[in-house]
Amino acid sequence: QIEAGVSAIVVGETAGEASTLTPAEHDRIIRAAVETARGRIRVIAGAGSNSTRQAIELTRQAEAAGADAVLSVVPYYNKPMQAGIYAHFQAIAGSTALPIILHDVPSRTIRELSDDTLVRLTKSGQFIGLRDGTGDITRPMRTRPQLPPRFRLLSGDDATALAFVSLGGDGCISSISNV
């Protein structure tokens, strides 16, 4: 990945191994990625959970391990309302100095991150991007005018990534880039 020129790698996130790791294994993976990267690329640690308390713990663990940012998924299974999603992410932000990339993947979480909630969250500079796994290629056009210029819209759906970027997205956090 480094030789291919990626700007960052993601470890321990929902599209990969996270659901089968113990907390100690999750910590070791992040530390190994930080040690391997040696500052040549950024390391984004998956730190999401449907439990706010656990997401905070994973976020703090990632920060202690040397991650550059965290990727935090919309709480899954519990199906929170938008106010609950907002409160969840605000609590995580309050627990760390790390930048946070939000992850919206309703096919797995059964709850979407609404455009309104996204815009509200971006009022805090700590939220720096969105990994959009919805497959909705029109989201960049719809939300870009309401988002801070520094906020990055990243496709999380490999099949629609090119269209997402061509319609105003900034890039992709690919699931298949290792293949």
Protein backbone atom coordinates (compact mmCIF):
# COMPACT_ATOMS: atom_id res chain seq x y z
CA GLN A 1 0.00 0.00 0.00
CA ILE A 2 2.81 2.42 0.84
CA GLU A 3 4.64 1.60 -2.39
CA ALA A 4 1.38 2.09 -4.32
CA GLY A 5 1.15 5.65 -2.99
CA VAL A 6 -1.83 5.54 -0.66
CA SER A 7 -2.06 8.45 1.75
CA ALA A 8 -3.37 6.37 4.66
CA ILE A 9 -4.30 2.87 5.74
CA VAL A 10 -7.23 1.75 7.84
CA VAL A 11 -6.86 -1.07 10.36
CA GLY A 12 -9.32 -2.74 12.70
CA GLU A 13 -12.47 -1.45 11.05
CA THR A 14 -15.86 -3.00 10.31
CA ALA A 15 -15.10 -4.01 6.72
CA GLY A 16 -12.26 -6.18 7.96
CA GLU A 17 -11.27 -8.06 11.02
CA ALA A 18 -12.60 -5.86 13.84
CA SER A 19 -15.60 -7.94 14.87
CA THR A 20 -13.45 -10.99 15.61
CA LEU A 21 -10.65 -9.30 17.57
CA THR A 22 -10.15 -9.12 21.30
CA PRO A 23 -9.29 -5.65 22.62
CA ALA A 24 -5.65 -6.73 23.02
CA GLU A 25 -5.50 -7.99 19.42
CA HIS A 26 -7.10 -4.77 18.17
CA ASP A 27 -4.47 -2.76 20.04
CA ARG A 28 -1.63 -4.92 18.64
CA ILE A 29 -2.86 -4.46 15.06
CA ILE A 30 -2.95 -0.68 15.42
CA ARG A 31 0.50 -0.61 17.02
CA ALA A 32 1.90 -2.86 14.27
CA ALA A 33 0.45 -0.57 11.59
CA VAL A 34 1.92 2.53 13.28
CA GLU A 35 5.32 0.85 13.58
CA THR A 36 5.23 -0.34 9.96
CA ALA A 37 4.08 3.02 8.59
CA ARG A 38 6.84 4.89 10.48
CA GLY A 39 5.24 8.20 9.57
CA ARG A 40 5.33 7.56 5.80
CA ILE A 41 1.53 7.37 5.68
CA ARG A 42 -1.23 8.06 8.16
CA VAL A 43 -2.80 5.25 10.16
CA ILE A 44 -6.55 5.42 10.66
CA ALA A 45 -7.78 3.06 13.35
CA GLY A 46 -11.24 1.58 13.33
CA ALA A 47 -12.78 2.49 16.66
CA GLY A 48 -16.48 2.00 16.17
CA SER A 49 -19.04 0.14 18.23
CA ASN A 50 -22.75 0.19 18.89
CA SER A 51 -21.81 0.88 22.51
CA THR A 52 -20.70 4.46 23.06
CA ARG A 53 -18.61 3.38 26.06
CA GLN A 54 -16.80 0.74 23.99
CA ALA A 55 -16.30 3.13 21.05
CA ILE A 56 -14.72 5.63 23.46
CA GLU A 57 -12.44 2.93 24.86
CA LEU A 58 -11.38 1.84 21.35
CA THR A 59 -10.76 5.48 20.43
CA ARG A 60 -8.60 6.08 23.50
CA GLN A 61 -6.73 2.85 22.79
CA ALA A 62 -6.09 3.95 19.20
CA GLU A 63 -4.81 7.32 20.37
CA ALA A 64 -2.44 5.68 22.87
CA ALA A 65 -1.20 3.32 20.13
CA GLY A 66 -0.20 6.26 17.93
CA ALA A 67 -2.99 6.31 15.33
CA ASP A 68 -3.36 9.53 13.37
CA ALA A 69 -7.18 9.41 13.24
CA VAL A 70 -10.09 7.09 13.93
CA LEU A 71 -12.86 5.78 11.73
CA SER A 72 -16.07 5.48 13.72
CA VAL A 73 -19.14 3.72 12.37
CA VAL A 74 -22.77 4.65 12.98
CA PRO A 75 -23.94 2.52 15.93
CA TYR A 76 -25.25 -0.77 14.61
CA TYR A 77 -27.96 -3.14 15.82
CA ASN A 78 -29.47 -0.71 18.35
CA LYS A 79 -31.02 1.42 15.57
CA PRO A 80 -30.64 4.80 17.34
CA MET A 81 -32.53 7.85 16.18
CA GLN A 82 -30.52 10.72 14.66
CA ALA A 83 -30.31 12.46 18.06
CA GLY A 84 -28.75 9.32 19.50
CA ILE A 85 -26.27 9.05 16.61
CA TYR A 86 -25.31 12.69 17.13
CA ALA A 87 -24.86 12.19 20.90
CA HIS A 88 -22.80 9.02 20.30
CA PHE A 89 -20.34 10.79 18.02
CA GLN A 90 -20.17 13.90 20.21
CA ALA A 91 -19.28 11.72 23.22
CA ILE A 92 -16.51 10.04 21.22
CA ALA A 93 -15.15 13.42 20.09
CA GLY A 94 -15.14 14.60 23.70
CA SER A 95 -12.93 11.66 24.68
CA THR A 96 -10.02 12.27 22.30
CA ALA A 97 -7.90 14.82 20.51
CA LEU A 98 -7.75 12.63 17.40
CA PRO A 99 -9.54 13.60 14.19
CA ILE A 100 -12.61 11.46 13.47
CA ILE A 101 -13.81 10.12 10.15
CA LEU A 102 -17.45 9.10 10.31
CA HIS A 103 -18.53 5.85 8.65
CA ASP A 104 -22.03 5.55 7.22
CA VAL A 105 -22.89 2.04 6.01
CA PRO A 106 -26.63 1.50 6.54
CA SER A 107 -26.62 -1.90 4.84
CA ARG A 108 -24.73 -3.10 7.91
CA THR A 109 -25.89 -0.73 10.64
CA ILE A 110 -29.59 -0.60 9.67
CA ARG A 111 -29.51 3.13 10.39
CA GLU A 112 -28.18 5.87 8.12
CA LEU A 113 -26.34 9.01 9.10
CA SER A 114 -28.70 11.67 7.78
CA ASP A 115 -27.38 14.65 5.86
CA ASP A 116 -28.72 16.95 8.61
CA THR A 117 -26.88 15.03 11.35
CA LEU A 118 -23.72 15.00 9.26
CA VAL A 119 -23.86 18.77 8.79
CA ARG A 120 -24.47 19.29 12.53
CA LEU A 121 -21.48 17.13 13.43
CA THR A 122 -19.17 19.00 11.08
CA LYS A 123 -19.65 22.16 13.12
CA SER A 124 -16.89 20.59 15.22
CA GLY A 125 -13.57 20.65 13.39
CA GLN A 126 -12.73 17.30 14.95
CA PHE A 127 -14.92 15.54 12.38
CA ILE A 128 -12.75 15.62 9.26
CA GLY A 129 -14.45 13.25 6.85
CA LEU A 130 -17.11 10.73 5.98
CA ARG A 131 -16.61 7.25 4.60
CA ASP A 132 -19.89 6.92 2.72
CA GLY A 133 -20.81 3.28 2.20
CA THR A 134 -24.35 4.01 1.09
CA GLY A 135 -23.64 3.78 -2.63
CA ASP A 136 -25.51 7.09 -3.05
CA ILE A 137 -23.35 8.88 -5.60
CA THR A 138 -25.42 12.08 -5.30
CA ARG A 139 -24.49 12.71 -1.67
CA PRO A 140 -21.42 14.86 -2.47
CA MET A 141 -23.52 17.17 -4.67
CA ARG A 142 -26.23 17.39 -2.02
CA THR A 143 -24.02 17.97 1.02
CA ARG A 144 -20.87 19.73 -0.25
CA PRO A 145 -22.39 23.24 -0.10
CA GLN A 146 -23.28 22.73 3.57
CA LEU A 147 -19.95 21.24 4.69
CA PRO A 148 -16.73 22.97 5.71
CA PRO A 149 -14.19 23.14 2.85
CA ARG A 150 -11.69 20.98 4.75
CA PHE A 151 -14.22 18.14 5.29
CA ARG A 152 -13.53 15.12 3.06
CA LEU A 153 -16.24 13.00 1.45
CA LEU A 154 -14.80 9.55 0.81
CA SER A 155 -16.56 6.71 -0.92
CA GLY A 156 -16.78 3.51 1.08
CA ASP A 157 -18.39 1.60 -1.77
CA ASP A 158 -15.83 0.38 -4.30
CA ALA A 159 -18.42 -0.26 -7.02
CA THR A 160 -19.59 3.36 -7.09
CA ALA A 161 -16.35 5.12 -6.01
CA LEU A 162 -15.50 6.56 -9.43
CA ALA A 163 -18.97 8.06 -9.87
CA PHE A 164 -18.91 9.34 -6.26
CA VAL A 165 -15.62 11.16 -6.88
CA SER A 166 -16.73 12.48 -10.28
CA LEU A 167 -19.77 14.05 -8.60
CA GLY A 168 -17.75 15.91 -5.96
CA GLY A 169 -16.32 13.29 -3.61
CA ASP A 170 -12.71 13.59 -2.50
CA GLY A 171 -11.56 9.98 -2.68
CA CYS A 172 -12.19 6.49 -1.46
CA ILE A 173 -11.47 4.31 1.54
CA SER A 174 -11.45 1.10 -0.42
CA SER A 175 -12.36 -2.33 0.88
CA ILE A 176 -10.68 -4.17 -1.97
CA SER A 177 -7.51 -2.13 -2.43
CA ASN A 178 -5.43 -4.93 -0.88
CA VAL A 179 -6.49 -7.42 -3.54
